[in-house]
PDB file of N, CA and C in Angstrom:
ATOM      1  N   MET A   1     -11.784 -15.845   1.693  1.00  0.00           N
ATOM      2  CA  MET A   1     -10.944 -14.922   1.224  1.00  0.00           C
ATOM      3  C   MET A   1      -9.717 -15.453   0.574  1.00  0.00           C
ATOM      4  N   SER A   2      -9.037 -14.934  -0.359  1.00  0.00           N
ATOM      5  CA  SER A   2      -8.314 -15.922  -1.157  1.00  0.00           C
ATOM      6  C   SER A   2      -7.156 -15.637  -0.488  1.00  0.00           C
ATOM      7  N   LYS A   3      -6.054 -16.030  -1.325  1.00  0.00           N
ATOM      8  CA  LYS A   3      -4.427 -16.144  -0.815  1.00  0.00           C
ATOM      9  C   LYS A   3      -3.971 -14.703  -1.092  1.00  0.00           C
ATOM     10  N   ALA A   4      -2.838 -14.333  -0.508  1.00  0.00           N
ATOM     11  CA  ALA A   4      -2.469 -13.074  -1.079  1.00  0.00           C
ATOM     12  C   ALA A   4      -1.384 -13.114  -2.231  1.00  0.00           C
ATOM     13  N   LYS A   5      -1.723 -12.160  -3.043  1.00  0.00           N
ATOM     14  CA  LYS A   5      -1.035 -12.193  -4.443  1.00  0.00           C
ATOM     15  C   LYS A   5       0.341 -12.148  -4.534  1.00  0.00           C
ATOM     16  N   PHE A   6       0.613 -11.420  -3.546  1.00  0.00           N
ATOM     17  CA  PHE A   6       2.487 -10.990  -3.153  1.00  0.00           C
ATOM     18  C   PHE A   6       3.057 -11.902  -2.068  1.00  0.00           C
ATOM     19  N   LYS A   7       4.610 -11.958  -2.101  1.00  0.00           N
ATOM     20  CA  LYS A   7       4.963 -12.411  -0.691  1.00  0.00           C
ATOM     21  C   LYS A   7       6.266 -11.699  -0.129  1.00  0.00           C
ATOM     22  N   ALA A   8       6.262 -11.282   1.263  1.00  0.00           N
ATOM     23  CA  ALA A   8       7.968 -10.909   1.783  1.00  0.00           C
ATOM     24  C   ALA A   8       8.770 -10.935   0.966  1.00  0.00           C
ATOM     25  N   GLY A   9       9.349 -10.002   0.845  1.00  0.00           N
ATOM     26  CA  GLY A   9      10.655 -10.048  -0.009  1.00  0.00           C
ATOM     27  C   GLY A   9      10.968  -9.272  -1.653  1.00  0.00           C
ATOM     28  N   GLN A  10       9.496 -10.074  -2.018  1.00  0.00           N
ATOM     29  CA  GLN A  10       9.430  -9.446  -3.551  1.00  0.00           C
ATOM     30  C   GLN A  10       9.472  -8.008  -3.733  1.00  0.00           C
ATOM     31  N   VAL A  11       9.820  -7.366  -5.034  1.00  0.00           N
ATOM     32  CA  VAL A  11       9.442  -6.077  -5.363  1.00  0.00           C
ATOM     33  C   VAL A  11       8.846  -5.936  -6.247  1.00  0.00           C
ATOM     34  N   VAL A  12       7.721  -4.313  -5.518  1.00  0.00           N
ATOM     35  CA  VAL A  12       6.778  -4.220  -6.611  1.00  0.00           C
ATOM     36  C   VAL A  12       6.566  -2.805  -7.050  1.00  0.00           C
ATOM     37  N   ARG A  13       6.015  -2.737  -7.574  1.00  0.00           N
ATOM     38  CA  ARG A  13       5.650  -1.305  -8.412  1.00  0.00           C
ATOM     39  C   ARG A  13       4.245  -0.653  -8.309  1.00  0.00           C
ATOM     40  N   PHE A  14       4.083   0.659  -8.172  1.00  0.00           N
ATOM     41  CA  PHE A  14       3.107   1.665  -8.146  1.00  0.00           C
ATOM     42  C   PHE A  14       2.392   2.109  -9.171  1.00  0.00           C
ATOM     43  N   PRO A  15       1.764   1.167 -10.195  1.00  0.00           N
ATOM     44  CA  PRO A  15       1.622   1.611 -11.533  1.00  0.00           C
ATOM     45  C   PRO A  15       0.365   2.455 -11.667  1.00  0.00           C
ATOM     46  N   SER A  16      -0.744   2.397 -10.701  1.00  0.00           N
ATOM     47  CA  SER A  16      -1.836   3.556 -10.633  1.00  0.00           C
ATOM     48  C   SER A  16      -1.605   4.936 -10.978  1.00  0.00           C
ATOM     49  N   SER A  17      -1.095   5.383  -9.386  1.00  0.00           N
ATOM     50  CA  SER A  17      -0.471   6.867  -9.795  1.00  0.00           C
ATOM     51  C   SER A  17       1.053   6.627  -8.777  1.00  0.00           C
ATOM     52  N   ASN A  18       1.662   7.621  -9.066  1.00  0.00           N
ATOM     53  CA  ASN A  18       3.151   7.535  -8.378  1.00  0.00           C
ATOM     54  C   ASN A  18       2.962   7.760  -6.803  1.00  0.00           C
ATOM     55  N   LYS A  19       1.437   8.507  -6.256  1.00  0.00           N
ATOM     56  CA  LYS A  19       1.477   9.277  -5.205  1.00  0.00           C
ATOM     57  C   LYS A  19       0.985   8.045  -4.152  1.00  0.00           C
ATOM     58  N   VAL A  20       2.031   7.565  -3.741  1.00  0.00           N
ATOM     59  CA  VAL A  20       1.777   6.585  -2.444  1.00  0.00           C
ATOM     60  C   VAL A  20       2.537   7.220  -1.060  1.00  0.00           C
ATOM     61  N   GLY A  21       2.017   7.650  -0.343  1.00  0.00           N
ATOM     62  CA  GLY A  21       2.394   7.949   1.434  1.00  0.00           C
ATOM     63  C   GLY A  21       2.305   9.020   0.957  1.00  0.00           C
ATOM     64  N   THR A  22       3.855   9.957   1.249  1.00  0.00           N
ATOM     65  CA  THR A  22       3.826  11.326   1.548  1.00  0.00           C
ATOM     66  C   THR A  22       4.225  11.731   0.569  1.00  0.00           C
ATOM     67  N   SER A  23       4.923  11.297  -0.597  1.00  0.00           N
ATOM     68  CA  SER A  23       5.514  11.915  -2.008  1.00  0.00           C
ATOM     69  C   SER A  23       5.308  10.489  -2.965  1.00  0.00           C
ATOM     70  N   ALA A  24       5.540  11.017  -3.859  1.00  0.00           N
ATOM     71  CA  ALA A  24       5.705  10.183  -5.175  1.00  0.00           C
ATOM     72  C   ALA A  24       7.103   9.132  -5.275  1.00  0.00           C
ATOM     73  N   ARG A  25       6.388   7.986  -5.358  1.00  0.00           N
ATOM     74  CA  ARG A  25       7.148   6.947  -5.057  1.00  0.00           C
ATOM     75  C   ARG A  25       6.886   6.035  -6.145  1.00  0.00           C
ATOM     76  N   LYS A  26       8.042   5.251  -6.928  1.00  0.00           N
ATOM     77  CA  LYS A  26       7.800   4.248  -7.503  1.00  0.00           C
ATOM     78  C   LYS A  26       7.320   2.919  -7.523  1.00  0.00           C
ATOM     79  N   GLY A  27       7.963   2.226  -6.240  1.00  0.00           N
ATOM     80  CA  GLY A  27       7.954   0.959  -5.712  1.00  0.00           C
ATOM     81  C   GLY A  27       8.664   0.999  -4.267  1.00  0.00           C
ATOM     82  N   GLY A  28       8.486  -0.683  -4.303  1.00  0.00           N
ATOM     83  CA  GLY A  28       9.384  -0.952  -2.928  1.00  0.00           C
ATOM     84  C   GLY A  28       9.184  -2.408  -3.008  1.00  0.00           C
ATOM     85  N   THR A  29      10.019  -2.770  -1.838  1.00  0.00           N
ATOM     86  CA  THR A  29      10.072  -4.188  -0.851  1.00  0.00           C
ATOM     87  C   THR A  29       8.898  -4.588  -0.208  1.00  0.00           C
ATOM     88  N   ILE A  30       8.493  -5.729  -0.353  1.00  0.00           N
ATOM     89  CA  ILE A  30       7.580  -5.877   1.102  1.00  0.00           C
ATOM     90  C   ILE A  30       8.171  -6.524   2.045  1.00  0.00           C
ATOM     91  N   LEU A  31       7.553  -6.147   2.873  1.00  0.00           N
ATOM     92  CA  LEU A  31       8.521  -6.751   4.082  1.00  0.00           C
ATOM     93  C   LEU A  31       7.366  -7.680   4.728  1.00  0.00           C
ATOM     94  N   GLY A  32       6.008  -7.381   4.647  1.00  0.00           N
ATOM     95  CA  GLY A  32       4.788  -7.906   5.353  1.00  0.00           C
ATOM     96  C   GLY A  32       3.444  -8.087   5.287  1.00  0.00           C
ATOM     97  N   ILE A  33       2.838  -8.915   5.166  1.00  0.00           N
ATOM     98  CA  ILE A  33       1.278  -8.815   4.474  1.00  0.00           C
ATOM     99  C   ILE A  33       0.418  -8.901   5.777  1.00  0.00           C
ATOM    100  N   LYS A  34      -0.589  -8.136   5.750  1.00  0.00           N
ATOM    101  CA  LYS A  34      -1.938  -7.987   6.968  1.00  0.00           C
ATOM    102  C   LYS A  34      -2.846  -8.165   6.263  1.00  0.00           C
ATOM    103  N   PRO A  35      -3.849  -8.693   6.817  1.00  0.00           N
ATOM    104  CA  PRO A  35      -5.467  -8.461   6.145  1.00  0.00           C
ATOM    105  C   PRO A  35      -6.369  -7.324   6.581  1.00  0.00           C
ATOM    106  N   MET A  36      -6.786  -7.164   5.410  1.00  0.00           N
ATOM    107  CA  MET A  36      -7.348  -5.645   5.872  1.00  0.00           C
ATOM    108  C   MET A  36      -8.852  -5.868   6.089  1.00  0.00           C
ATOM    109  N   TYR A  37      -9.640  -4.937   6.867  1.00  0.00           N
ATOM    110  CA  TYR A  37     -10.906  -5.128   7.020  1.00  0.00           C
ATOM    111  C   TYR A  37     -11.905  -3.594   6.773  1.00  0.00           C
ATOM    112  N   GLU A  38     -12.790  -3.609   6.526  1.00  0.00           N
ATOM    113  CA  GLU A  38     -13.954  -2.870   6.349  1.00  0.00           C
ATOM    114  C   GLU A  38     -14.280  -2.470   8.027  1.00  0.00           C
ATOM    115  N   LEU A  39     -13.721  -1.037   7.744  1.00  0.00           N
ATOM    116  CA  LEU A  39     -14.299   0.033   8.932  1.00  0.00           C
ATOM    117  C   LEU A  39     -15.770   0.262   9.473  1.00  0.00           C
ATOM    118  N   LYS A  40     -15.976  -0.139  10.381  1.00  0.00           N
ATOM    119  CA  LYS A  40     -17.213   0.606  10.991  1.00  0.00           C
ATOM    120  C   LYS A  40     -17.718   1.926  10.520  1.00  0.00           C
ATOM    121  N   GLU A  41     -19.098   2.319  10.677  1.00  0.00           N
ATOM    122  CA  GLU A  41     -19.255   3.230  10.138  1.00  0.00           C
ATOM    123  C   GLU A  41     -18.617   4.535  11.190  1.00  0.00           C
ATOM    124  N   GLU A  42     -19.209   4.125  12.610  1.00  0.00           N
ATOM    125  CA  GLU A  42     -19.010   5.319  13.807  1.00  0.00           C
ATOM    126  C   GLU A  42     -17.330   5.789  13.330  1.00  0.00           C
ATOM    127  N   ASN A  43     -16.484   4.353  12.859  1.00  0.00           N
ATOM    128  CA  ASN A  43     -14.496   4.904  12.886  1.00  0.00           C
ATOM    129  C   ASN A  43     -14.228   5.881  11.392  1.00  0.00           C
ATOM    130  N   LYS A  44     -15.473   5.726  10.392  1.00  0.00           N
ATOM    131  CA  LYS A  44     -14.774   6.503   9.480  1.00  0.00           C
ATOM    132  C   LYS A  44     -14.652   8.101   9.358  1.00  0.00           C
ATOM    133  N   ARG A  45     -13.810   8.730   8.416  1.00  0.00           N
ATOM    134  CA  ARG A  45     -13.622   9.971   8.530  1.00  0.00           C
ATOM    135  C   ARG A  45     -13.929  10.451   7.050  1.00  0.00           C
ATOM    136  N   TYR A  46     -14.768  11.878   6.838  1.00  0.00           N
ATOM    137  CA  TYR A  46     -15.088  12.389   5.711  1.00  0.00           C
ATOM    138  C   TYR A  46     -14.299  13.752   5.770  1.00  0.00           C
ATOM    139  N   TYR A  47     -13.812  13.980   4.213  1.00  0.00           N
ATOM    140  CA  TYR A  47     -13.375  15.141   4.254  1.00  0.00           C
ATOM    141  C   TYR A  47     -14.893  16.214   3.722  1.00  0.00           C
ATOM    142  N   PRO A  48     -14.618  17.550   3.678  1.00  0.00           N
ATOM    143  CA  PRO A  48     -15.565  18.140   3.935  1.00  0.00           C
ATOM    144  C   PRO A  48     -16.842  18.219   2.665  1.00  0.00           C
ATOM    145  N   ASN A  49     -16.475  17.486   2.293  1.00  0.00           N
ATOM    146  CA  ASN A  49     -17.157  17.569   0.283  1.00  0.00           C
ATOM    147  C   ASN A  49     -17.964  16.323   0.755  1.00  0.00           C
ATOM    148  N   GLY A  50     -17.483  15.617   1.787  1.00  0.00           N
ATOM    149  CA  GLY A  50     -18.357  14.537   1.929  1.00  0.00           C
ATOM    150  C   GLY A  50     -18.004  13.062   1.444  1.00  0.00           C
ATOM    151  N   LYS A  51     -16.931  13.028   0.517  1.00  0.00           N
ATOM    152  CA  LYS A  51     -16.258  11.933   0.465  1.00  0.00           C
ATOM    153  C   LYS A  51     -15.419  11.003   1.372  1.00  0.00           C
ATOM    154  N   CYS A  52     -15.564   9.800   1.793  1.00  0.00           N
ATOM    155  CA  CYS A  52     -14.990   9.414   2.676  1.00  0.00           C
ATOM    156  C   CYS A  52     -13.251   9.034   2.528  1.00  0.00           C
ATOM    157  N   LYS A  53     -12.612   9.179   3.448  1.00  0.00           N
ATOM    158  CA  LYS A  53     -11.028   9.250   3.691  1.00  0.00           C
ATOM    159  C   LYS A  53     -10.880   7.844   3.106  1.00  0.00           C
ATOM    160  N   GLY A  54     -11.102   6.501   3.678  1.00  0.00           N
ATOM    161  CA  GLY A  54     -10.614   5.386   3.558  1.00  0.00           C
ATOM    162  C   GLY A  54     -11.367   4.703   4.708  1.00  0.00           C
ATOM    163  N   ASP A  55     -12.119   3.289   3.507  1.00  0.00           N
ATOM    164  CA  ASP A  55     -13.199   2.626   4.671  1.00  0.00           C
ATOM    165  C   ASP A  55     -12.286   1.672   4.984  1.00  0.00           C
ATOM    166  N   LEU A  56     -11.284   1.303   4.784  1.00  0.00           N
ATOM    167  CA  LEU A  56     -10.587   0.006   5.429  1.00  0.00           C
ATOM    168  C   LEU A  56      -9.268   0.020   6.098  1.00  0.00           C
ATOM    169  N   THR A  57      -8.678  -0.713   6.940  1.00  0.00           N
ATOM    170  CA  THR A  57      -7.862  -0.775   8.346  1.00  0.00           C
ATOM    171  C   THR A  57      -7.299  -2.119   8.003  1.00  0.00           C
ATOM    172  N   THR A  58      -5.976  -2.139   8.770  1.00  0.00           N
ATOM    173  CA  THR A  58      -5.770  -3.516   9.621  1.00  0.00           C
ATOM    174  C   THR A  58      -5.587  -3.530  10.656  1.00  0.00           C
ATOM    175  N   PHE A  59      -6.506  -2.876  11.641  1.00  0.00           N
ATOM    176  CA  PHE A  59      -6.884  -3.038  13.024  1.00  0.00           C
ATOM    177  C   PHE A  59      -8.499  -3.541  13.056  1.00  0.00           C
ATOM    178  N   VAL A  60      -8.514  -4.933  13.616  1.00  0.00           N
ATOM    179  CA  VAL A  60      -9.689  -5.653  13.541  1.00  0.00           C
ATOM    180  C   VAL A  60     -10.446  -4.909  14.361  1.00  0.00           C
ATOM    181  N   GLY A  61     -10.037  -4.556  15.744  1.00  0.00           N
ATOM    182  CA  GLY A  61     -11.028  -3.645  16.484  1.00  0.00           C
ATOM    183  C   GLY A  61     -11.982  -2.420  16.089  1.00  0.00           C
ATOM    184  N   LEU A  62     -11.140  -1.741  14.908  1.00  0.00           N
ATOM    185  CA  LEU A  62     -11.911  -0.771  14.431  1.00  0.00           C
ATOM    186  C   LEU A  62     -12.451  -1.442  13.172  1.00  0.00           C
ATOM    187  N   SER A  63     -12.952  -2.645  13.006  1.00  0.00           N
ATOM    188  CA  SER A  63     -13.476  -2.776  12.046  1.00  0.00           C
ATOM    189  C   SER A  63     -15.238  -3.453  12.012  1.00  0.00           C
ATOM    190  N   SER A  64     -15.575  -4.046  11.202  1.00  0.00           N
ATOM    191  CA  SER A  64     -16.916  -4.816  11.417  1.00  0.00           C
ATOM    192  C   SER A  64     -16.522  -6.097  11.180  1.00  0.00           C
ATOM    193  N   GLY A  65     -15.258  -6.205  11.016  1.00  0.00           N
ATOM    194  CA  GLY A  65     -14.957  -8.080  10.910  1.00  0.00           C
ATOM    195  C   GLY A  65     -14.844  -8.511   9.474  1.00  0.00           C
ATOM    196  N   VAL A  66     -15.210  -7.488   8.672  1.00  0.00           N
ATOM    197  CA  VAL A  66     -15.653  -8.048   7.129  1.00  0.00           C
ATOM    198  C   VAL A  66     -14.029  -8.136   6.685  1.00  0.00           C
ATOM    199  N   SER A  67     -13.376  -9.069   6.227  1.00  0.00           N
ATOM    200  CA  SER A  67     -12.193  -9.091   5.613  1.00  0.00           C
ATOM    201  C   SER A  67     -12.220  -8.841   4.050  1.00  0.00           C
ATOM    202  N   LYS A  68     -11.393  -7.842   3.529  1.00  0.00           N
ATOM    203  CA  LYS A  68     -11.493  -7.299   2.204  1.00  0.00           C
ATOM    204  C   LYS A  68     -10.289  -7.622   1.064  1.00  0.00           C
ATOM    205  N   GLY A  69      -9.530  -8.271   1.931  1.00  0.00           N
ATOM    206  CA  GLY A  69      -8.474  -8.369   0.703  1.00  0.00           C
ATOM    207  C   GLY A  69      -6.874  -8.142   1.900  1.00  0.00           C
ATOM    208  N   TYR A  70      -5.895  -8.009   1.059  1.00  0.00           N
ATOM    209  CA  TYR A  70      -4.544  -8.127   1.735  1.00  0.00           C
ATOM    210  C   TYR A  70      -4.162  -6.618   1.992  1.00  0.00           C
ATOM    211  N   ALA A  71      -3.145  -6.040   2.881  1.00  0.00           N
ATOM    212  CA  ALA A  71      -2.456  -4.787   2.523  1.00  0.00           C
ATOM    213  C   ALA A  71      -1.153  -5.233   2.982  1.00  0.00           C
ATOM    214  N   TYR A  72      -0.273  -4.526   2.363  1.00  0.00           N
ATOM    215  CA  TYR A  72       1.140  -5.054   2.758  1.00  0.00           C
ATOM    216  C   TYR A  72       2.191  -3.864   2.590  1.00  0.00           C
ATOM    217  N   GLU A  73       2.671  -4.173   3.857  1.00  0.00           N
ATOM    218  CA  GLU A  73       3.365  -3.250   4.584  1.00  0.00           C
ATOM    219  C   GLU A  73       5.103  -3.185   3.510  1.00  0.00           C
ATOM    220  N   ILE A  74       5.330  -1.871   2.797  1.00  0.00           N
ATOM    221  CA  ILE A  74       6.551  -1.805   1.947  1.00  0.00           C
ATOM    222  C   ILE A  74       7.467  -0.715   2.636  1.00  0.00           C
ATOM    223  N   VAL A  75       8.473  -1.207   2.186  1.00  0.00           N
ATOM    224  CA  VAL A  75       9.877   0.013   1.961  1.00  0.00           C
ATOM    225  C   VAL A  75       9.925   0.228   0.634  1.00  0.00           C
ATOM    226  N   THR A  76      10.170   1.503   0.687  1.00  0.00           N
ATOM    227  CA  THR A  76      10.334   1.991  -1.238  1.00  0.00           C
ATOM    228  C   THR A  76      11.664   2.068  -1.538  1.00  0.00           C
ATOM    229  N   ILE A  77      11.666   1.903  -2.737  1.00  0.00           N
ATOM    230  CA  ILE A  77      13.075   2.006  -3.043  1.00  0.00           C
ATOM    231  C   ILE A  77      13.219   3.199  -3.925  1.00  0.00           C
ATOM    232  N   GLN A  78      14.442   3.756  -3.304  1.00  0.00           N
ATOM    233  CA  GLN A  78      14.944   4.973  -3.548  1.00  0.00           C
ATOM    234  C   GLN A  78      16.299   5.014  -4.603  1.00  0.00           C
ATOM    235  N   PRO A  79      16.516   6.297  -5.162  1.00  0.00           N
ATOM    236  CA  PRO A  79      17.808   6.472  -5.770  1.00  0.00           C
ATOM    237  C   PRO A  79      19.072   6.362  -4.689  1.00  0.00           C
ATOM    238  N   LYS A  80      20.349   6.024  -5.322  1.00  0.00           N
ATOM    239  CA  LYS A  80      20.956   6.373  -3.871  1.00  0.00           C
ATOM    240  C   LYS A  80      21.195   7.966  -3.226  1.00  0.00           C
ATOM    241  N   GLY A  81      21.337   8.210  -2.152  1.00  0.00           N
ATOM    242  CA  GLY A  81      21.498   9.327  -1.598  1.00  0.00           C
ATOM    243  C   GLY A  81      19.886   9.325  -1.148  1.00  0.00           C
ATOM    244  N   PHE A  82      18.852   8.626  -1.243  1.00  0.00           N
ATOM    245  CA  PHE A  82      17.585   8.943  -0.714  1.00  0.00           C
ATOM    246  C   PHE A  82      17.395   8.380  -0.010  1.00  0.00           C
ATOM    247  N   ARG A  83      16.666   8.214   1.360  1.00  0.00           N
ATOM    248  CA  ARG A  83      16.189   7.141   2.206  1.00  0.00           C
ATOM    249  C   ARG A  83      14.671   6.693   2.021  1.00  0.00           C
ATOM    250  N   GLY A  84      14.586   5.549   2.004  1.00  0.00           N
ATOM    251  CA  GLY A  84      13.153   5.025   2.184  1.00  0.00           C
ATOM    252  C   GLY A  84      11.804   5.005   2.518  1.00  0.00           C
ATOM    253  N   GLU A  85      10.763   5.015   2.610  1.00  0.00           N
ATOM    254  CA  GLU A  85       9.944   5.534   3.599  1.00  0.00           C
ATOM    255  C   GLU A  85       9.030   3.827   3.939  1.00  0.00           C
ATOM    256  N   LYS A  86       8.429   3.859   5.068  1.00  0.00           N
ATOM    257  CA  LYS A  86       7.702   2.388   5.311  1.00  0.00           C
ATOM    258  C   LYS A  86       6.413   2.931   5.440  1.00  0.00           C
ATOM    259  N   LEU A  87       5.379   2.299   4.769  1.00  0.00           N
ATOM    260  CA  LEU A  87       4.078   2.772   4.240  1.00  0.00           C
ATOM    261  C   LEU A  87       3.469   1.045   3.890  1.00  0.00           C
ATOM    262  N   THR A  88       2.047   1.272   3.887  1.00  0.00           N
ATOM    263  CA  THR A  88       1.157   0.380   3.749  1.00  0.00           C
ATOM    264  C   THR A  88       0.496   0.606   3.034  1.00  0.00           C
ATOM    265  N   VAL A  89       0.371  -0.464   1.355  1.00  0.00           N
ATOM    266  CA  VAL A  89      -0.399  -0.161   0.293  1.00  0.00           C
ATOM    267  C   VAL A  89      -1.445  -1.556   0.063  1.00  0.00           C
ATOM    268  N   GLU A  90      -2.909  -1.310  -0.139  1.00  0.00           N
ATOM    269  CA  GLU A  90      -3.341  -2.480  -0.484  1.00  0.00           C
ATOM    270  C   GLU A  90      -3.178  -2.843  -1.654  1.00  0.00           C
ATOM    271  N   GLU A  91      -3.732  -4.190  -2.120  1.00  0.00           N
ATOM    272  CA  GLU A  91      -3.242  -5.372  -2.790  1.00  0.00           C
ATOM    273  C   GLU A  91      -3.418  -4.694  -4.345  1.00  0.00           C
ATOM    274  N   PHE A  92      -4.584  -4.391  -4.662  1.00  0.00           N
ATOM    275  CA  PHE A  92      -5.047  -3.734  -6.000  1.00  0.00           C
ATOM    276  C   PHE A  92      -3.827  -2.488  -6.719  1.00  0.00           C
ATOM    277  N   LYS A  93      -3.016  -1.704  -5.686  1.00  0.00           N
ATOM    278  CA  LYS A  93      -2.275  -0.700  -6.149  1.00  0.00           C
ATOM    279  C   LYS A  93      -1.094  -1.261  -6.453  1.00  0.00           C
ATOM    280  N   LEU A  94      -0.808  -2.752  -6.275  1.00  0.00           N
ATOM    281  CA  LEU A  94       0.723  -3.436  -7.084  1.00  0.00           C
ATOM    282  C   LEU A  94       0.692  -4.090  -8.381  1.00  0.00           C
ATOM    283  N   ASP A  95       1.960  -3.772  -8.635  1.00  0.00           N
ATOM    284  CA  ASP A  95       2.502  -4.769  -9.828  1.00  0.00           C
ATOM    285  C   ASP A  95       3.385  -5.554  -9.246  1.00  0.00           C
ATOM    286  N   LEU A  96       3.722  -6.554  -9.849  1.00  0.00           N
ATOM    287  CA  LEU A  96       4.996  -7.106  -9.621  1.00  0.00           C
ATOM    288  C   LEU A  96       6.154  -6.449 -10.473  1.00  0.00           C
ATOM    289  N   SER A  97       7.648  -6.164 -10.062  1.00  0.00           N
ATOM    290  CA  SER A  97       8.651  -5.625 -10.350  1.00  0.00           C
ATOM    291  C   SER A  97       9.695  -5.906  -9.937  1.00  0.00           C
ATOM    292  N   THR A  98      11.090  -5.513 -10.462  1.00  0.00           N
ATOM    293  CA  THR A  98      12.142  -5.458 -10.118  1.00  0.00           C
ATOM    294  C   THR A  98      12.850  -4.078  -9.601  1.00  0.00           C
ATOM    295  N   GLU A  99      13.802  -4.279  -8.768  1.00  0.00           N
ATOM    296  CA  GLU A  99      14.550  -3.482  -8.532  1.00  0.00           C
ATOM    297  C   GLU A  99      15.155  -2.223  -9.653  1.00  0.00           C
ATOM    298  N   GLU A 100      15.660  -2.772 -10.278  1.00  0.00           N
ATOM    299  CA  GLU A 100      16.129  -2.267 -11.892  1.00  0.00           C
ATOM    300  C   GLU A 100      15.164  -1.217 -12.747  1.00  0.00           C
ATOM    301  N   LYS A 101      13.794  -1.847 -12.530  1.00  0.00           N
ATOM    302  CA  LYS A 101      13.090  -1.233 -13.307  1.00  0.00           C
ATOM    303  C   LYS A 101      12.362  -0.238 -12.261  1.00  0.00           C
ATOM    304  N   VAL A 102      12.217  -0.319 -10.951  1.00  0.00           N
ATOM    305  CA  VAL A 102      11.388   0.670 -10.156  1.00  0.00           C
ATOM    306  C   VAL A 102      12.674   1.949 -10.320  1.00  0.00           C
ATOM    307  N   LEU A 103      14.141   1.383 -10.269  1.00  0.00           N
ATOM    308  CA  LEU A 103      14.860   2.754  -9.976  1.00  0.00           C
ATOM    309  C   LEU A 103      15.002   3.051 -11.239  1.00  0.00           C
ATOM    310  N   ALA A 104      15.214   2.134 -12.617  1.00  0.00           N
ATOM    311  CA  ALA A 104      14.863   3.001 -13.677  1.00  0.00           C
ATOM    312  C   ALA A 104      13.642   4.433 -14.057  1.00  0.00           C
ATOM    313  N   ALA A 105      12.584   3.868 -13.320  1.00  0.00           N
ATOM    314  CA  ALA A 105      11.434   4.866 -13.613  1.00  0.00           C
ATOM    315  C   ALA A 105      11.411   6.060 -12.815  1.00  0.00           C
ATOM    316  N   TYR A 106      12.613   6.493 -12.170  1.00  0.00           N
ATOM    317  CA  TYR A 106      13.173   7.839 -11.440  1.00  0.00           C
ATOM    318  C   TYR A 106      13.657   8.467 -12.450  1.00  0.00           C
ATOM    319  N   ILE A 107      14.122   7.905 -13.353  1.00  0.00           N
ATOM    320  CA  ILE A 107      15.082   8.625 -14.385  1.00  0.00           C
ATOM    321  C   ILE A 107      13.905   9.207 -15.346  1.00  0.00           C
ATOM    322  N   GLY A 108      13.157   8.340 -15.918  1.00  0.00           N
ATOM    323  CA  GLY A 108      12.196   8.291 -17.446  1.00  0.00           C
ATOM    324  C   GLY A 108      11.051   9.073 -16.703  1.00  0.00           C
TER     325      GLY A 108
END
């Protein structure tokens, strides 16, 4: 497995779709980094249409032990008057950014 792309303390944005966590979020600050693993088949959950809800986890005991990259624990950056949310996001859903750019994305 290669090294993590980002480091704790860096500001990142969510470019693919701003729907991360429970609401639309633009970006945040990395708090920590955890390895991701592929779930065992018996631990996977599916939607009624047959699509898998997710096949990655940060819990080794639920996995097959195959590492698939890194997950980042992030606290979102919000405009003044709103509270940030803690969430975990896969590495491929992040891009490096600045706090000013993340806050400007809420306006535009």
